[in-house]
Protein backbone atom coordinates (compact mmCIF):
# COMPACT_ATOMS: atom_id res chain seq x y z
CA MET A 1 22.59 8.35 8.86
CA THR A 2 21.30 10.64 6.17
CA PRO A 3 17.80 11.59 5.11
CA ARG A 4 16.58 9.39 2.33
CA ASP A 5 15.21 10.73 -0.91
CA THR A 6 11.91 9.59 -2.26
CA PRO A 7 11.67 7.84 -5.62
CA SER A 8 10.36 11.16 -6.98
CA GLY A 9 13.50 12.99 -5.82
CA GLY A 10 12.27 14.83 -2.72
CA ASN A 11 13.41 14.88 0.90
CA ASP A 12 11.24 12.09 2.28
CA LEU A 13 12.30 12.48 5.90
CA GLY A 14 11.65 16.22 5.93
CA ASP A 15 8.34 15.90 4.10
CA PHE A 16 7.18 13.23 6.55
CA LEU A 17 8.15 15.30 9.61
CA ARG A 18 6.33 18.35 8.26
CA ALA A 19 3.22 16.35 7.39
CA ARG A 20 3.03 14.70 10.82
CA ARG A 21 3.74 18.00 12.57
CA ALA A 22 0.92 19.69 10.64
CA ALA A 23 -1.51 16.88 11.49
CA LEU A 24 -1.21 17.27 15.28
CA ASP A 25 -3.58 19.31 17.43
CA PRO A 26 -1.48 21.42 19.87
CA HIS A 27 -4.26 21.30 22.48
CA ARG A 28 -4.16 17.48 22.41
CA LEU A 29 -0.57 17.71 23.57
CA GLY A 30 -1.39 20.09 26.39
CA LEU A 31 0.43 23.05 24.85
CA PRO A 32 -0.77 26.43 26.15
CA ASP A 33 -2.39 28.97 23.84
CA ASP A 34 0.04 31.90 23.72
CA GLY A 35 -2.34 34.07 21.74
CA ARG A 36 -0.18 34.15 18.61
CA PRO A 37 -2.01 33.32 15.38
CA ARG A 38 -0.89 30.11 13.70
CA ARG A 39 0.12 30.55 10.09
CA VAL A 40 -0.19 26.80 9.47
CA PRO A 41 -2.19 24.07 11.26
CA GLY A 42 -0.56 21.77 13.74
CA LEU A 43 2.62 22.18 15.76
CA ARG A 44 5.10 24.95 15.25
CA ARG A 45 8.71 23.93 14.74
CA GLU A 46 9.68 25.36 18.11
CA GLU A 47 6.93 23.31 19.78
CA LEU A 48 8.17 20.11 18.17
CA ALA A 49 11.72 21.00 19.24
CA GLN A 50 10.53 21.58 22.80
CA LEU A 51 8.66 18.27 22.96
CA ALA A 52 11.55 16.30 21.43
CA HIS A 53 14.22 18.12 23.48
CA VAL A 54 16.21 19.25 20.45
CA SER A 55 17.04 22.70 19.10
CA ILE A 56 14.76 24.56 16.71
CA ASP A 57 17.65 24.83 14.26
CA TYR A 58 18.03 21.05 14.32
CA VAL A 59 14.34 20.57 13.43
CA VAL A 60 14.75 23.08 10.58
CA ARG A 61 17.80 21.26 9.24
CA LEU A 62 16.01 17.91 9.44
CA GLU A 63 12.96 19.20 7.60
CA GLN A 64 15.09 20.87 4.94
CA GLY A 65 17.31 17.80 4.52
CA ARG A 66 20.47 19.69 5.50
CA THR A 67 21.64 17.47 8.36
CA ARG A 68 23.60 14.26 7.87
CA ARG A 69 23.50 12.91 11.42
CA VAL A 70 20.28 11.61 12.99
CA SER A 71 20.76 9.47 16.06
CA ARG A 72 18.36 6.72 17.12
CA SER A 73 17.62 8.59 20.34
CA VAL A 74 16.62 11.71 18.41
CA LEU A 75 14.37 9.69 16.09
CA ASP A 76 12.75 8.07 19.11
CA ALA A 77 12.19 11.49 20.67
CA LEU A 78 10.67 12.86 17.47
CA ALA A 79 8.42 9.82 17.10
CA ASP A 80 7.21 10.22 20.68
CA ALA A 81 6.62 13.95 20.25
CA LEU A 82 4.65 13.40 17.04
CA LEU A 83 2.58 10.56 18.59
CA LEU A 84 3.52 8.25 15.73
CA ALA A 85 1.73 4.94 15.36
CA PRO A 86 3.93 1.81 15.11
CA ASP A 87 3.83 1.79 11.29
CA GLU A 88 4.66 5.50 11.18
CA ARG A 89 7.54 5.07 13.63
CA ALA A 90 8.96 2.23 11.53
CA TYR A 91 8.64 4.39 8.42
CA LEU A 92 10.46 7.29 10.13
CA PHE A 93 13.43 5.05 10.90
CA THR A 94 13.33 3.61 7.39
CA VAL A 95 13.54 6.92 5.56
CA ALA A 96 16.10 8.36 7.98
CA ASP A 97 18.53 5.42 7.90
CA VAL A 98 20.30 5.25 4.57
CA ALA A 99 23.88 4.90 5.77
CA SER A 100 23.52 1.12 5.92
CA ALA A 101 21.81 0.86 2.55
CA GLY A 102 23.92 -0.88 -0.05
CA PRO A 103 23.79 -0.48 -3.81
CA ALA A 104 20.46 -0.87 -5.51
CA PRO A 105 19.57 -4.56 -5.86
CA ARG A 106 19.08 -5.95 -9.32
CA PRO A 107 15.37 -6.09 -10.08
CA GLY A 108 14.07 -9.63 -9.80
CA LEU A 109 12.13 -11.17 -12.62
CA PRO A 110 8.39 -11.32 -11.87
CA GLN A 111 8.31 -15.10 -11.81
CA VAL A 112 6.25 -17.35 -9.58
CA ASP A 113 7.61 -20.70 -8.45
CA PRO A 114 5.83 -23.58 -10.24
CA GLN A 115 4.86 -25.10 -6.89
CA LEU A 116 3.14 -21.87 -5.88
CA GLY A 117 1.38 -21.74 -9.22
CA GLN A 118 0.13 -25.28 -8.64
CA LEU A 119 -1.16 -24.25 -5.21
CA LEU A 120 -3.13 -21.41 -6.78
CA ALA A 121 -4.63 -23.77 -9.34
CA THR A 122 -5.90 -26.15 -6.66
CA MET A 123 -7.57 -23.42 -4.58
CA HIS A 124 -10.93 -23.94 -6.27
CA ASP A 125 -13.00 -22.40 -3.47
CA VAL A 126 -10.73 -19.43 -2.68
CA PRO A 127 -9.88 -16.47 -4.93
CA ALA A 128 -6.12 -16.03 -4.66
CA MET A 129 -3.19 -14.36 -6.40
CA VAL A 130 0.51 -13.63 -5.99
CA LEU A 131 1.66 -10.01 -5.68
CA ASN A 132 5.01 -8.31 -5.37
CA ARG A 133 5.78 -5.28 -3.20
CA ARG A 134 4.50 -2.90 -5.91
CA MET A 135 1.17 -4.78 -5.92
CA ASP A 136 1.81 -6.13 -9.41
CA VAL A 137 -0.35 -9.21 -10.02
CA LEU A 138 2.16 -11.92 -10.97
CA ALA A 139 -0.23 -14.90 -10.95
CA TRP A 140 -3.88 -15.53 -10.16
CA ASN A 141 -6.47 -18.29 -10.15
CA ARG A 142 -9.95 -18.52 -11.63
CA GLY A 143 -11.58 -17.17 -8.46
CA ALA A 144 -9.46 -14.03 -8.36
CA ALA A 145 -10.29 -13.29 -12.00
CA ALA A 146 -14.00 -13.76 -11.30
CA LEU A 147 -13.93 -11.60 -8.18
CA LEU A 148 -11.78 -8.70 -9.37
CA THR A 149 -11.12 -8.57 -13.11
CA ASP A 150 -9.98 -10.68 -16.04
CA PHE A 151 -6.25 -10.14 -15.50
CA GLY A 152 -5.50 -12.26 -18.56
CA ALA A 153 -7.18 -9.65 -20.76
CA LEU A 154 -4.86 -6.91 -19.48
CA ALA A 155 -1.39 -6.05 -20.68
CA PRO A 156 1.24 -7.16 -18.12
CA GLU A 157 2.10 -3.57 -17.20
CA GLU A 158 -1.57 -2.92 -16.37
CA ARG A 159 -1.85 -5.82 -13.90
CA ASN A 160 -1.27 -3.72 -10.80
CA LEU A 161 -3.90 -3.49 -8.04
CA ILE A 162 -3.09 0.11 -7.08
CA ARG A 163 -3.04 1.28 -10.69
CA LEU A 164 -6.38 -0.43 -11.32
CA THR A 165 -7.86 1.01 -8.11
CA PHE A 166 -7.17 4.58 -9.27
CA LEU A 167 -7.29 4.45 -13.06
CA ASP A 168 -9.84 1.77 -14.00
CA ASP A 169 -13.47 2.85 -13.60
CA ASP A 170 -14.87 -0.70 -13.49
CA PHE A 171 -12.34 -1.78 -10.88
CA ARG A 172 -13.02 1.33 -8.82
CA ALA A 173 -16.74 0.57 -8.89
CA LEU A 174 -16.12 -2.80 -7.21
CA TYR A 175 -15.34 -1.16 -3.86
CA ALA A 176 -18.21 -0.34 -1.53
CA ASP A 177 -15.84 2.14 0.14
CA TRP A 178 -13.52 3.26 -2.64
CA PRO A 179 -11.95 6.21 -0.73
CA GLY A 180 -11.04 3.96 2.19
CA ALA A 181 -9.57 1.26 -0.05
CA ALA A 182 -7.70 3.81 -2.15
CA ARG A 183 -6.20 5.58 0.87
CA GLU A 184 -5.06 2.19 2.18
CA CYS A 185 -3.34 1.59 -1.16
CA VAL A 186 -1.52 4.92 -0.94
CA ALA A 187 -0.38 4.24 2.62
CA VAL A 188 0.98 0.80 1.66
CA LEU A 189 2.72 2.28 -1.38
CA ARG A 190 4.26 5.04 0.77
CA MET A 191 5.68 2.44 3.16
CA GLU A 192 7.21 0.43 0.32
CA ALA A 193 8.66 3.59 -1.26
CA GLY A 194 10.43 4.32 2.01
CA ARG A 195 11.83 0.80 2.19
CA HIS A 196 12.93 0.68 -1.45
CA PRO A 197 13.87 4.22 -2.56
CA GLN A 198 15.88 2.97 -5.56
CA ASP A 199 13.09 0.88 -7.09
CA ARG A 200 12.63 2.53 -10.49
CA ALA A 201 9.45 0.65 -11.34
CA LEU A 202 7.93 1.77 -8.04
CA ALA A 203 8.98 5.37 -8.75
CA ALA A 204 7.40 5.16 -12.20
CA LEU A 205 4.12 3.92 -10.73
CA ILE A 206 4.07 6.74 -8.17
CA GLY A 207 4.86 9.27 -10.89
CA GLU A 208 2.10 8.03 -13.16
CA LEU A 209 -0.53 8.07 -10.42
CA THR A 210 0.59 11.50 -9.22
CA ILE A 211 0.13 12.95 -12.69
CA ARG A 212 -3.12 11.19 -13.57
CA ASP A 213 -5.17 11.23 -10.34
CA ALA A 214 -5.86 14.24 -8.10
CA ASP A 215 -6.93 12.10 -5.12
CA PHE A 216 -3.67 10.17 -5.26
CA ARG A 217 -1.69 13.46 -5.30
CA THR A 218 -3.56 14.71 -2.25
CA TRP A 219 -3.27 11.50 -0.22
CA TRP A 220 0.36 10.93 -1.19
CA ALA A 221 1.22 14.35 0.18
CA GLY A 222 -0.36 13.34 3.51
CA HIS A 223 2.47 10.84 4.24
CA GLN A 224 0.19 8.22 5.81
CA VAL A 225 1.89 4.82 6.02
CA ARG A 226 0.60 1.28 6.62
CA GLY A 227 2.28 -2.05 7.13
CA PRO A 228 0.71 -5.51 6.84
CA ARG A 229 -2.50 -5.89 8.82
CA ARG A 230 -5.77 -7.75 8.90
CA LEU A 231 -8.09 -6.48 6.19
CA THR A 232 -11.76 -6.88 5.41
CA LYS A 233 -13.10 -5.54 2.12
CA THR A 234 -16.63 -5.22 0.81
CA TYR A 235 -17.16 -5.50 -2.94
CA LEU A 236 -20.21 -4.58 -5.01
CA HIS A 237 -19.87 -7.31 -7.58
CA PRO A 238 -21.99 -7.11 -10.77
CA VAL A 239 -22.76 -10.86 -10.55
CA ALA A 240 -22.60 -11.77 -6.84
CA GLY A 241 -23.84 -8.47 -5.41
CA GLY A 242 -22.49 -7.15 -2.10
CA ILE A 243 -19.87 -9.47 -0.63
CA THR A 244 -17.61 -8.85 2.40
CA LEU A 245 -14.42 -10.90 2.45
CA ASP A 246 -11.40 -11.28 4.71
CA VAL A 247 -8.10 -10.63 2.94
CA GLN A 248 -5.45 -13.13 4.01
CA GLN A 249 -1.81 -12.24 3.26
CA PHE A 250 1.03 -14.80 3.37
CA SER A 251 4.71 -14.20 2.76
CA VAL A 252 6.53 -16.45 0.27
CA ASP A 253 9.73 -17.75 1.86
CA THR A 254 11.43 -18.59 -1.43
CA GLN A 255 10.59 -15.15 -2.90
CA PRO A 256 10.80 -12.45 -0.19
CA ASP A 257 9.45 -9.85 -2.60
CA GLN A 258 6.21 -11.81 -3.11
CA GLN A 259 3.10 -12.56 -1.10
CA LEU A 260 0.14 -14.87 -1.57
CA VAL A 261 -3.17 -13.07 -1.08
CA ALA A 262 -6.40 -15.02 -0.58
CA TYR A 263 -10.01 -13.87 -0.12
CA THR A 264 -12.12 -15.88 2.31
CA ALA A 265 -15.55 -15.67 3.91
CA PRO A 266 -16.75 -16.86 7.35
CA PRO A 267 -18.40 -20.31 7.28
CA ASP A 268 -22.17 -20.35 6.68
CA SER A 269 -22.25 -16.59 6.14
CA PRO A 270 -24.07 -14.68 3.38
CA ALA A 271 -20.63 -13.78 2.03
CA GLN A 272 -19.70 -17.45 1.72
CA GLN A 273 -22.94 -18.14 -0.16
CA ALA A 274 -22.27 -15.20 -2.50
CA LEU A 275 -18.68 -16.34 -3.04
CA ARG A 276 -19.79 -19.90 -3.78
CA PHE A 277 -22.31 -18.59 -6.31
CA LEU A 278 -19.64 -16.43 -7.96
CA LEU A 279 -17.19 -19.31 -8.28
CA GLN A 280 -19.87 -21.58 -9.73
CA TRP A 281 -20.76 -18.88 -12.24
CA ALA A 282 -17.11 -18.47 -13.22
CA ALA A 283 -16.76 -22.21 -13.84
CA ARG A 284 -19.73 -22.43 -16.24
CA PRO A 285 -18.85 -23.37 -19.83
CA THR A 286 -19.75 -20.97 -22.62
CA PRO A 287 -21.01 -21.82 -26.11
CA VAL A 288 -17.85 -20.31 -27.62
CA ASP A 289 -14.83 -22.08 -26.15
CA GLY A 290 -15.99 -23.98 -23.10
CA ALA A 291 -14.65 -21.52 -20.52
CA PRO A 292 -15.87 -18.03 -19.66
CA ALA A 293 -13.47 -15.08 -19.70
CA ALA A 294 -13.52 -15.01 -15.90
CA ALA A 295 -11.89 -18.45 -15.86
CA ARG A 296 -8.74 -17.33 -17.66
CA ASP A 297 -5.86 -17.27 -15.22
CA GLY A 298 -2.61 -17.35 -17.14
CA GLY A 299 -2.46 -21.15 -17.18
CA LEU A 300 -2.66 -21.57 -13.42
CA ALA A 301 -6.19 -22.92 -13.08
CA SER A 302 -6.95 -26.59 -13.40
């Protein structure tokens, strides 16, 4: 196996090892204080080598991307030594294992099956949309437009949740905890970049955000990774006020690159009342054309 390059051209395996090594507290691992000053925070290379039972030179070659052979046992030892969480361990194996990777797949067209579009249109009480792995919004219903933004008013290349989270001031203001939501976005994007290093559109998104947003640059360099998990998000909506919703994520069997995302509230909760009010507001006719802007959904709403 060989270290995998990032979409931006760097040594992803080495960068990840250095970042995780720097994030560890030596005292937490029971390492003695030898009195030597530490030039950088975290573990020294020799300490990581000692904990993983490999040579210092091997750690150096891994971090510099100069080795072409990384066994599963060594990766397991490094993951244990670095106290990696399950998502981080999976990411380590992903970026290290490129020998089995075939040629870059042809990019799929961002199309949503008609049956899935019909399902979105019938979800009158649930904001929902279809995303791909880059978090591009491929389809949405009236509720999603009312909750988040009028996706129909955006150019197709701007319909990306991560791009909106960092570069759109109104979208950013929706989050009660913008730093937490934004860091989650970066961690998800980092995981997908490791899984799909030859995705040019993903690389372009990362490049744009790196150039245009200082927070993204800082958090991207931290190499935090996240896989799918249960999410709860609180929004400060200009119409519905504060509203805390569960984010449900469902894979699409016929399109492995897509997922259906729905926003729900617990029964008889203040959030459900706020959501019901928001959806009723979005469905009100206007004097102009009989449907407010929030109801536009690319032809998927009934």
